[in-house]
Amino acid sequence: MASRIVDELEVVTLDTGRLPEETHTIMERLGRRYPIRLRVVSPD
């Protein structure tokens, strides 16, 4: 929805260090399809 409204999405996601591999897979698929500026945030 947001990609139809703004040219480049500022997306923030939390990489906890314990995510399933499949979550990284869908992250990459959506990143290739949509104009995402992805910011991956990790624990201190």
All heavy atoms as atom14 arrays in JSON, in Angstrom:
{
  "sequence": "MASRIVDELEVVTLDTGRLPEETHTIMERLGRRYPIRLRVVSPD",
  "atom14_mask": [
    [1, 1, 1, 1, 1, 1, 1, 1, 0, 0, 0, 0, 0, 0],
    [1, 1, 1, 1, 1, 0, 0, 0, 0, 0, 0, 0, 0, 0],
    [1, 1, 1, 1, 1, 1, 0, 0, 0, 0, 0, 0, 0, 0],
    [1, 1, 1, 1, 1, 1, 1, 1, 1, 1, 1, 0, 0, 0],
    [1, 1, 1, 1, 1, 1, 1, 1, 0, 0, 0, 0, 0, 0],
    [1, 1, 1, 1, 1, 1, 1, 0, 0, 0, 0, 0, 0, 0],
    [1, 1, 1, 1, 1, 1, 1, 1, 0, 0, 0, 0, 0, 0],
    [1, 1, 1, 1, 1, 1, 1, 1, 1, 0, 0, 0, 0, 0],
    [1, 1, 1, 1, 1, 1, 1, 1, 0, 0, 0, 0, 0, 0],
    [1, 1, 1, 1, 1, 1, 1, 1, 1, 0, 0, 0, 0, 0],
    [1, 1, 1, 1, 1, 1, 1, 0, 0, 0, 0, 0, 0, 0],
    [1, 1, 1, 1, 1, 1, 1, 0, 0, 0, 0, 0, 0, 0],
    [1, 1, 1, 1, 1, 1, 1, 0, 0, 0, 0, 0, 0, 0],
    [1, 1, 1, 1, 1, 1, 1, 1, 0, 0, 0, 0, 0, 0],
    [1, 1, 1, 1, 1, 1, 1, 1, 0, 0, 0, 0, 0, 0],
    [1, 1, 1, 1, 1, 1, 1, 0, 0, 0, 0, 0, 0, 0],
    [1, 1, 1, 1, 0, 0, 0, 0, 0, 0, 0, 0, 0, 0],
    [1, 1, 1, 1, 1, 1, 1, 1, 1, 1, 1, 0, 0, 0],
    [1, 1, 1, 1, 1, 1, 1, 1, 0, 0, 0, 0, 0, 0],
    [1, 1, 1, 1, 1, 1, 1, 0, 0, 0, 0, 0, 0, 0],
    [1, 1, 1, 1, 1, 1, 1, 1, 1, 0, 0, 0, 0, 0],
    [1, 1, 1, 1, 1, 1, 1, 1, 1, 0, 0, 0, 0, 0],
    [1, 1, 1, 1, 1, 1, 1, 0, 0, 0, 0, 0, 0, 0],
    [1, 1, 1, 1, 1, 1, 1, 1, 1, 1, 0, 0, 0, 0],
    [1, 1, 1, 1, 1, 1, 1, 0, 0, 0, 0, 0, 0, 0],
    [1, 1, 1, 1, 1, 1, 1, 1, 0, 0, 0, 0, 0, 0],
    [1, 1, 1, 1, 1, 1, 1, 1, 0, 0, 0, 0, 0, 0],
    [1, 1, 1, 1, 1, 1, 1, 1, 1, 0, 0, 0, 0, 0],
    [1, 1, 1, 1, 1, 1, 1, 1, 1, 1, 1, 0, 0, 0],
    [1, 1, 1, 1, 1, 1, 1, 1, 0, 0, 0, 0, 0, 0],
    [1, 1, 1, 1, 0, 0, 0, 0, 0, 0, 0, 0, 0, 0],
    [1, 1, 1, 1, 1, 1, 1, 1, 1, 1, 1, 0, 0, 0],
    [1, 1, 1, 1, 1, 1, 1, 1, 1, 1, 1, 0, 0, 0],
    [1, 1, 1, 1, 1, 1, 1, 1, 1, 1, 1, 1, 0, 0],
    [1, 1, 1, 1, 1, 1, 1, 0, 0, 0, 0, 0, 0, 0],
    [1, 1, 1, 1, 1, 1, 1, 1, 0, 0, 0, 0, 0, 0],
    [1, 1, 1, 1, 1, 1, 1, 1, 1, 1, 1, 0, 0, 0],
    [1, 1, 1, 1, 1, 1, 1, 1, 0, 0, 0, 0, 0, 0],
    [1, 1, 1, 1, 1, 1, 1, 1, 1, 1, 1, 0, 0, 0],
    [1, 1, 1, 1, 1, 1, 1, 0, 0, 0, 0, 0, 0, 0],
    [1, 1, 1, 1, 1, 1, 1, 0, 0, 0, 0, 0, 0, 0],
    [1, 1, 1, 1, 1, 1, 0, 0, 0, 0, 0, 0, 0, 0],
    [1, 1, 1, 1, 1, 1, 1, 0, 0, 0, 0, 0, 0, 0],
    [1, 1, 1, 1, 1, 1, 1, 1, 0, 0, 0, 0, 0, 0]
  ],
  "atom14_positions": [
    [[0.83, -1.21, 0.0], [0.0, 0.0, 0.0], [0.86, 1.26, 0.0], [0.63, 2.18, -0.79], [-0.91, 0.01, 1.23], [-2.08, -0.94, 1.16], [-3.13, -0.73, 2.64], [-4.47, -1.85, 2.24], [0.0, 0.0, 0.0], [0.0, 0.0, 0.0], [0.0, 0.0, 0.0], [0.0, 0.0, 0.0], [0.0, 0.0, 0.0], [0.0, 0.0, 0.0]],
    [[1.84, 1.3, 0.89], [2.66, 2.5, 1.03], [3.49, 2.78, -0.21], [3.76, 3.94, -0.55], [3.56, 2.38, 2.26], [0.0, 0.0, 0.0], [0.0, 0.0, 0.0], [0.0, 0.0, 0.0], [0.0, 0.0, 0.0], [0.0, 0.0, 0.0], [0.0, 0.0, 0.0], [0.0, 0.0, 0.0], [0.0, 0.0, 0.0], [0.0, 0.0, 0.0]],
    [[3.9, 1.72, -0.92], [4.71, 1.9, -2.12], [3.92, 2.59, -3.24], [4.52, 3.12, -4.18], [5.23, 0.55, -2.62], [4.17, -0.25, -3.13], [0.0, 0.0, 0.0], [0.0, 0.0, 0.0], [0.0, 0.0, 0.0], [0.0, 0.0, 0.0], [0.0, 0.0, 0.0], [0.0, 0.0, 0.0], [0.0, 0.0, 0.0], [0.0, 0.0, 0.0]],
    [[2.6, 2.59, -3.13], [1.76, 3.28, -4.11], [1.6, 4.76, -3.76], [1.04, 5.53, -4.54], [0.38, 2.62, -4.18], [0.42, 1.13, -4.49], [-0.95, 0.48, -4.3], [-0.85, -0.97, -4.32], [-0.94, -1.71, -5.41], [-1.12, -1.12, -6.58], [-0.85, -3.03, -5.36], [0.0, 0.0, 0.0], [0.0, 0.0, 0.0], [0.0, 0.0, 0.0]],
    [[2.09, 5.13, -2.57], [1.89, 6.5, -2.08], [3.2, 7.28, -2.05], [3.22, 8.47, -2.37], [1.27, 6.45, -0.66], [-0.12, 5.81, -0.74], [1.21, 7.85, -0.03], [-0.73, 5.49, 0.61], [0.0, 0.0, 0.0], [0.0, 0.0, 0.0], [0.0, 0.0, 0.0], [0.0, 0.0, 0.0], [0.0, 0.0, 0.0], [0.0, 0.0, 0.0]],
    [[4.3, 6.63, -1.67], [5.6, 7.31, -1.61], [6.59, 6.6, -2.54], [6.45, 5.41, -2.83], [6.15, 7.34, -0.17], [5.27, 8.18, 0.72], [6.29, 5.94, 0.4], [0.0, 0.0, 0.0], [0.0, 0.0, 0.0], [0.0, 0.0, 0.0], [0.0, 0.0, 0.0], [0.0, 0.0, 0.0], [0.0, 0.0, 0.0], [0.0, 0.0, 0.0]],
    [[7.58, 7.35, -3.0], [8.53, 6.81, -3.97], [9.49, 5.81, -3.36], [9.87, 4.83, -3.99], [9.32, 7.96, -4.62], [8.44, 8.84, -5.49], [7.43, 8.34, -6.01], [8.75, 10.04, -5.63], [0.0, 0.0, 0.0], [0.0, 0.0, 0.0], [0.0, 0.0, 0.0], [0.0, 0.0, 0.0], [0.0, 0.0, 0.0], [0.0, 0.0, 0.0]],
    [[9.92, 6.08, -2.14], [10.86, 5.18, -1.48], [10.46, 5.01, -0.02], [10.4, 6.0, 0.73], [12.29, 5.72, -1.56], [13.33, 4.76, -1.02], [14.74, 5.3, -1.16], [14.95, 6.51, -0.97], [15.65, 4.5, -1.45], [0.0, 0.0, 0.0], [0.0, 0.0, 0.0], [0.0, 0.0, 0.0], [0.0, 0.0, 0.0], [0.0, 0.0, 0.0]],
    [[10.21, 3.78, 0.37], [9.76, 3.51, 1.73], [10.93, 3.39, 2.68], [11.91, 2.69, 2.4], [8.97, 2.19, 1.78], [7.69, 2.1, 0.98], [7.08, 0.72, 1.17], [6.72, 3.17, 1.4], [0.0, 0.0, 0.0], [0.0, 0.0, 0.0], [0.0, 0.0, 0.0], [0.0, 0.0, 0.0], [0.0, 0.0, 0.0], [0.0, 0.0, 0.0]],
    [[10.81, 4.04, 3.81], [11.8, 3.88, 4.87], [11.26, 2.81, 5.8], [10.34, 3.04, 6.58], [12.0, 5.21, 5.6], [13.27, 5.26, 6.41], [13.68, 6.67, 6.76], [13.21, 7.62, 6.1], [14.47, 6.82, 7.71], [0.0, 0.0, 0.0], [0.0, 0.0, 0.0], [0.0, 0.0, 0.0], [0.0, 0.0, 0.0], [0.0, 0.0, 0.0]],
    [[11.82, 1.61, 5.69], [11.35, 0.45, 6.44], [12.37, 0.09, 7.51], [13.56, -0.04, 7.24], [11.1, -0.76, 5.51], [10.69, -1.98, 6.32], [10.04, -0.42, 4.47], [0.0, 0.0, 0.0], [0.0, 0.0, 0.0], [0.0, 0.0, 0.0], [0.0, 0.0, 0.0], [0.0, 0.0, 0.0], [0.0, 0.0, 0.0], [0.0, 0.0, 0.0]],
    [[11.88, -0.08, 8.73], [12.72, -0.49, 9.85], [12.31, -1.9, 10.26], [11.12, -2.2, 10.39], [12.56, 0.47, 11.05], [13.29, -0.07, 12.27], [13.05, 1.86, 10.69], [0.0, 0.0, 0.0], [0.0, 0.0, 0.0], [0.0, 0.0, 0.0], [0.0, 0.0, 0.0], [0.0, 0.0, 0.0], [0.0, 0.0, 0.0], [0.0, 0.0, 0.0]],
    [[13.28, -2.77, 10.44], [12.98, -4.12, 10.92], [13.96, -4.5, 12.01], [15.09, -4.0, 12.04], [13.03, -5.14, 9.77], [12.46, -6.39, 10.22], [14.45, -5.39, 9.29], [0.0, 0.0, 0.0], [0.0, 0.0, 0.0], [0.0, 0.0, 0.0], [0.0, 0.0, 0.0], [0.0, 0.0, 0.0], [0.0, 0.0, 0.0], [0.0, 0.0, 0.0]],
    [[13.52, -5.33, 12.92], [14.34, -5.77, 14.04], [14.92, -7.16, 13.75], [14.16, -8.12, 13.58], [13.51, -5.82, 15.33], [12.79, -4.53, 15.73], [11.94, -4.77, 16.97], [13.79, -3.42, 15.98], [0.0, 0.0, 0.0], [0.0, 0.0, 0.0], [0.0, 0.0, 0.0], [0.0, 0.0, 0.0], [0.0, 0.0, 0.0], [0.0, 0.0, 0.0]],
    [[16.22, -7.24, 13.68], [16.88, -8.54, 13.57], [17.34, -8.93, 14.96], [18.37, -8.47, 15.45], [18.06, -8.47, 12.61], [18.69, -9.85, 12.38], [18.29, -10.81, 13.07], [19.56, -9.95, 11.5], [0.0, 0.0, 0.0], [0.0, 0.0, 0.0], [0.0, 0.0, 0.0], [0.0, 0.0, 0.0], [0.0, 0.0, 0.0], [0.0, 0.0, 0.0]],
    [[16.57, -9.77, 15.61], [16.83, -10.14, 17.0], [18.05, -11.03, 17.17], [18.53, -11.24, 18.28], [15.62, -10.88, 17.58], [15.45, -12.12, 16.86], [14.36, -10.04, 17.46], [0.0, 0.0, 0.0], [0.0, 0.0, 0.0], [0.0, 0.0, 0.0], [0.0, 0.0, 0.0], [0.0, 0.0, 0.0], [0.0, 0.0, 0.0], [0.0, 0.0, 0.0]],
    [[18.52, -11.59, 16.07], [19.6, -12.57, 16.13], [19.1, -13.99, 16.23], [19.89, -14.94, 16.15], [0.0, 0.0, 0.0], [0.0, 0.0, 0.0], [0.0, 0.0, 0.0], [0.0, 0.0, 0.0], [0.0, 0.0, 0.0], [0.0, 0.0, 0.0], [0.0, 0.0, 0.0], [0.0, 0.0, 0.0], [0.0, 0.0, 0.0], [0.0, 0.0, 0.0]],
    [[17.77, -14.17, 16.37], [17.19, -15.5, 16.48], [16.05, -15.7, 15.47], [15.19, -16.56, 15.66], [16.66, -15.75, 17.91], [17.66, -15.57, 19.03], [18.84, -16.55, 18.95], [18.45, -17.93, 19.08], [18.41, -18.61, 20.24], [18.73, -17.99, 21.38], [18.08, -19.87, 20.27], [0.0, 0.0, 0.0], [0.0, 0.0, 0.0], [0.0, 0.0, 0.0]],
    [[16.03, -14.91, 14.4], [14.94, -15.02, 13.42], [15.09, -16.29, 12.59], [16.19, -16.76, 12.33], [14.95, -13.81, 12.48], [14.69, -12.44, 13.08], [14.77, -11.37, 11.97], [13.34, -12.38, 13.77], [0.0, 0.0, 0.0], [0.0, 0.0, 0.0], [0.0, 0.0, 0.0], [0.0, 0.0, 0.0], [0.0, 0.0, 0.0], [0.0, 0.0, 0.0]],
    [[13.95, -16.84, 12.11], [14.01, -17.97, 11.19], [14.67, -17.55, 9.88], [14.56, -16.38, 9.47], [12.54, -18.33, 10.96], [11.78, -17.65, 12.04], [12.56, -16.43, 12.42], [0.0, 0.0, 0.0], [0.0, 0.0, 0.0], [0.0, 0.0, 0.0], [0.0, 0.0, 0.0], [0.0, 0.0, 0.0], [0.0, 0.0, 0.0], [0.0, 0.0, 0.0]],
    [[15.33, -18.46, 9.23], [15.93, -18.15, 7.93], [14.87, -17.69, 6.93], [15.13, -16.84, 6.07], [16.66, -19.39, 7.39], [17.33, -19.18, 6.04], [18.39, -18.08, 6.08], [19.01, -17.89, 7.13], [18.58, -17.42, 5.03], [0.0, 0.0, 0.0], [0.0, 0.0, 0.0], [0.0, 0.0, 0.0], [0.0, 0.0, 0.0], [0.0, 0.0, 0.0]],
    [[13.67, -18.24, 7.06], [12.59, -17.88, 6.14], [12.2, -16.4, 6.25], [11.71, -15.81, 5.29], [11.35, -18.75, 6.41], [11.52, -20.21, 6.04], [12.16, -21.04, 7.15], [12.62, -20.46, 8.15], [12.21, -22.29, 7.0], [0.0, 0.0, 0.0], [0.0, 0.0, 0.0], [0.0, 0.0, 0.0], [0.0, 0.0, 0.0], [0.0, 0.0, 0.0]],
    [[12.41, -15.81, 7.42], [12.12, -14.38, 7.56], [13.09, -13.55, 6.74], [12.72, -12.57, 6.08], [12.17, -13.96, 9.04], [11.16, -14.66, 9.76], [11.93, -12.46, 9.19], [0.0, 0.0, 0.0], [0.0, 0.0, 0.0], [0.0, 0.0, 0.0], [0.0, 0.0, 0.0], [0.0, 0.0, 0.0], [0.0, 0.0, 0.0], [0.0, 0.0, 0.0]],
    [[14.35, -13.96, 6.72], [15.34, -13.27, 5.89], [15.02, -13.48, 4.4], [15.25, -12.58, 3.59], [16.74, -13.77, 6.21], [17.2, -13.42, 7.59], [17.63, -12.15, 7.92], [17.27, -14.15, 8.73], [17.96, -12.12, 9.2], [17.75, -13.32, 9.72], [0.0, 0.0, 0.0], [0.0, 0.0, 0.0], [0.0, 0.0, 0.0], [0.0, 0.0, 0.0]],
    [[14.47, -14.63, 4.07], [14.11, -14.91, 2.69], [13.02, -13.97, 2.19], [13.14, -13.36, 1.12], [13.63, -16.37, 2.54], [14.69, -17.26, 2.9], [13.2, -16.66, 1.1], [0.0, 0.0, 0.0], [0.0, 0.0, 0.0], [0.0, 0.0, 0.0], [0.0, 0.0, 0.0], [0.0, 0.0, 0.0], [0.0, 0.0, 0.0], [0.0, 0.0, 0.0]],
    [[11.94, -13.81, 2.98], [10.85, -12.93, 2.55], [11.3, -11.47, 2.6], [10.85, -10.64, 1.79], [9.58, -13.17, 3.39], [8.39, -12.4, 2.81], [9.8, -12.77, 4.84], [7.99, -12.82, 1.41], [0.0, 0.0, 0.0], [0.0, 0.0, 0.0], [0.0, 0.0, 0.0], [0.0, 0.0, 0.0], [0.0, 0.0, 0.0], [0.0, 0.0, 0.0]],
    [[12.19, -11.14, 3.51], [12.74, -9.8, 3.58], [13.43, -9.44, 2.26], [13.24, -8.35, 1.7], [13.74, -9.73, 4.74], [14.1, -8.33, 5.21], [15.35, -8.38, 6.53], [14.49, -9.33, 7.8], [0.0, 0.0, 0.0], [0.0, 0.0, 0.0], [0.0, 0.0, 0.0], [0.0, 0.0, 0.0], [0.0, 0.0, 0.0], [0.0, 0.0, 0.0]],
    [[14.21, -10.37, 1.75], [14.92, -10.14, 0.49], [13.95, -10.08, -0.69], [14.1, -9.24, -1.59], [15.95, -11.24, 0.26], [17.14, -11.17, 1.22], [18.19, -12.22, 0.91], [17.96, -13.04, -0.01], [19.23, -12.21, 1.59], [0.0, 0.0, 0.0], [0.0, 0.0, 0.0], [0.0, 0.0, 0.0], [0.0, 0.0, 0.0], [0.0, 0.0, 0.0]],
    [[12.94, -10.95, -0.7], [11.98, -10.95, -1.81], [11.22, -9.64, -1.89], [11.06, -9.05, -2.97], [10.99, -12.11, -1.65], [11.57, -13.48, -1.91], [10.46, -14.53, -1.93], [9.55, -14.33, -3.06], [8.38, -14.98, -3.2], [8.0, -15.85, -2.27], [7.62, -14.76, -4.25], [0.0, 0.0, 0.0], [0.0, 0.0, 0.0], [0.0, 0.0, 0.0]],
    [[10.74, -9.16, -0.76], [10.01, -7.9, -0.77], [10.94, -6.73, -1.06], [10.53, -5.75, -1.71], [9.3, -7.7, 0.57], [8.13, -8.64, 0.85], [7.6, -8.45, 2.27], [7.0, -8.43, -0.16], [0.0, 0.0, 0.0], [0.0, 0.0, 0.0], [0.0, 0.0, 0.0], [0.0, 0.0, 0.0], [0.0, 0.0, 0.0], [0.0, 0.0, 0.0]],
    [[12.19, -6.83, -0.62], [13.16, -5.77, -0.91], [13.48, -5.66, -2.39], [13.77, -4.56, -2.88], [0.0, 0.0, 0.0], [0.0, 0.0, 0.0], [0.0, 0.0, 0.0], [0.0, 0.0, 0.0], [0.0, 0.0, 0.0], [0.0, 0.0, 0.0], [0.0, 0.0, 0.0], [0.0, 0.0, 0.0], [0.0, 0.0, 0.0], [0.0, 0.0, 0.0]],
    [[13.44, -6.78, -3.09], [13.68, -6.74, -4.54], [12.47, -6.22, -5.3], [12.62, -5.6, -6.36], [14.05, -8.14, -5.04], [15.44, -8.62, -4.63], [15.86, -9.82, -5.43], [14.97, -10.96, -5.22], [15.18, -11.91, -4.31], [16.24, -11.83, -3.52], [14.34, -12.92, -4.18], [0.0, 0.0, 0.0], [0.0, 0.0, 0.0], [0.0, 0.0, 0.0]],
    [[11.29, -6.45, -4.76], [10.07, -6.08, -5.49], [9.68, -4.62, -5.28], [9.16, -3.99, -6.21], [8.93, -6.98, -5.04], [7.57, -6.56, -5.6], [6.54, -7.63, -5.48], [5.24, -7.17, -5.94], [4.23, -7.96, -6.21], [4.38, -9.27, -6.09], [3.08, -7.48, -6.6], [0.0, 0.0, 0.0], [0.0, 0.0, 0.0], [0.0, 0.0, 0.0]],
    [[9.92, -4.09, -4.08], [9.43, -2.75, -3.75], [10.59, -1.79, -3.51], [11.69, -2.21, -3.14], [8.54, -2.81, -2.5], [7.29, -3.62, -2.69], [7.22, -4.94, -2.24], [6.17, -3.09, -3.33], [6.07, -5.7, -2.42], [5.02, -3.83, -3.53], [4.97, -5.14, -3.06], [3.83, -5.88, -3.25], [0.0, 0.0, 0.0], [0.0, 0.0, 0.0]],
    [[10.34, -0.47, -3.7], [11.38, 0.54, -3.49], [11.61, 0.8, -2.01], [11.23, 1.84, -1.47], [10.81, 1.77, -4.21], [9.33, 1.62, -4.07], [9.06, 0.14, -4.16], [0.0, 0.0, 0.0], [0.0, 0.0, 0.0], [0.0, 0.0, 0.0], [0.0, 0.0, 0.0], [0.0, 0.0, 0.0], [0.0, 0.0, 0.0], [0.0, 0.0, 0.0]],
    [[12.26, -0.15, -1.36], [12.46, -0.08, 0.1], [13.86, 0.41, 0.43], [14.85, -0.05, -0.16], [12.26, -1.48, 0.73], [10.8, -1.92, 0.62], [12.69, -1.48, 2.19], [10.58, -3.34, 1.09], [0.0, 0.0, 0.0], [0.0, 0.0, 0.0], [0.0, 0.0, 0.0], [0.0, 0.0, 0.0], [0.0, 0.0, 0.0], [0.0, 0.0, 0.0]],
    [[13.93, 1.34, 1.36], [15.2, 1.68, 1.99], [15.17, 1.02, 3.36], [14.62, 1.55, 4.32], [15.37, 3.2, 2.08], [16.73, 3.61, 2.64], [17.04, 5.09, 2.4], [16.24, 5.96, 3.24], [15.23, 6.71, 2.82], [14.87, 6.67, 1.54], [14.57, 7.49, 3.65], [0.0, 0.0, 0.0], [0.0, 0.0, 0.0], [0.0, 0.0, 0.0]],
    [[15.76, -0.16, 3.43], [15.62, -1.01, 4.6], [16.69, -0.7, 5.63], [17.89, -0.65, 5.34], [15.7, -2.49, 4.21], [15.53, -3.5, 5.34], [14.15, -3.38, 5.96], [15.77, -4.91, 4.81], [0.0, 0.0, 0.0], [0.0, 0.0, 0.0], [0.0, 0.0, 0.0], [0.0, 0.0, 0.0], [0.0, 0.0, 0.0], [0.0, 0.0, 0.0]],
    [[16.25, -0.52, 6.86], [17.15, -0.31, 7.99], [16.98, -1.48, 8.95], [15.92, -1.64, 9.56], [16.81, 1.01, 8.67], [17.72, 1.35, 9.85], [17.27, 2.64, 10.5], [17.98, 2.91, 11.73], [17.58, 3.77, 12.67], [16.46, 4.45, 12.49], [18.29, 3.95, 13.75], [0.0, 0.0, 0.0], [0.0, 0.0, 0.0], [0.0, 0.0, 0.0]],
    [[17.99, -2.3, 9.05], [17.95, -3.48, 9.92], [18.59, -3.12, 11.25], [19.76, -2.74, 11.3], [18.67, -4.67, 9.26], [18.61, -5.88, 10.18], [18.07, -4.99, 7.9], [0.0, 0.0, 0.0], [0.0, 0.0, 0.0], [0.0, 0.0, 0.0], [0.0, 0.0, 0.0], [0.0, 0.0, 0.0], [0.0, 0.0, 0.0], [0.0, 0.0, 0.0]],
    [[17.82, -3.25, 12.32], [18.26, -2.84, 13.65], [18.5, -4.08, 14.5], [17.66, -4.98, 14.58], [17.21, -1.94, 14.32], [17.67, -1.5, 15.7], [16.92, -0.73, 13.43], [0.0, 0.0, 0.0], [0.0, 0.0, 0.0], [0.0, 0.0, 0.0], [0.0, 0.0, 0.0], [0.0, 0.0, 0.0], [0.0, 0.0, 0.0], [0.0, 0.0, 0.0]],
    [[19.64, -4.12, 15.16], [20.03, -5.27, 15.99], [20.13, -4.86, 17.45], [20.26, -3.68, 17.77], [21.37, -5.82, 15.52], [21.31, -6.23, 14.16], [0.0, 0.0, 0.0], [0.0, 0.0, 0.0], [0.0, 0.0, 0.0], [0.0, 0.0, 0.0], [0.0, 0.0, 0.0], [0.0, 0.0, 0.0], [0.0, 0.0, 0.0], [0.0, 0.0, 0.0]],
    [[20.1, -5.83, 18.35], [20.27, -5.53, 19.79], [21.65, -4.94, 20.07], [22.61, -5.19, 19.33], [20.12, -6.9, 20.46], [19.44, -7.77, 19.45], [19.86, -7.26, 18.1], [0.0, 0.0, 0.0], [0.0, 0.0, 0.0], [0.0, 0.0, 0.0], [0.0, 0.0, 0.0], [0.0, 0.0, 0.0], [0.0, 0.0, 0.0], [0.0, 0.0, 0.0]],
    [[21.74, -4.18, 21.13], [23.02, -3.67, 21.57], [23.89, -4.86, 21.98], [23.49, -5.66, 22.83], [22.82, -2.73, 22.76], [24.13, -2.15, 23.27], [24.82, -2.85, 24.03], [24.45, -1.01, 22.9], [0.0, 0.0, 0.0], [0.0, 0.0, 0.0], [0.0, 0.0, 0.0], [0.0, 0.0, 0.0], [0.0, 0.0, 0.0], [0.0, 0.0, 0.0]]
  ]
}
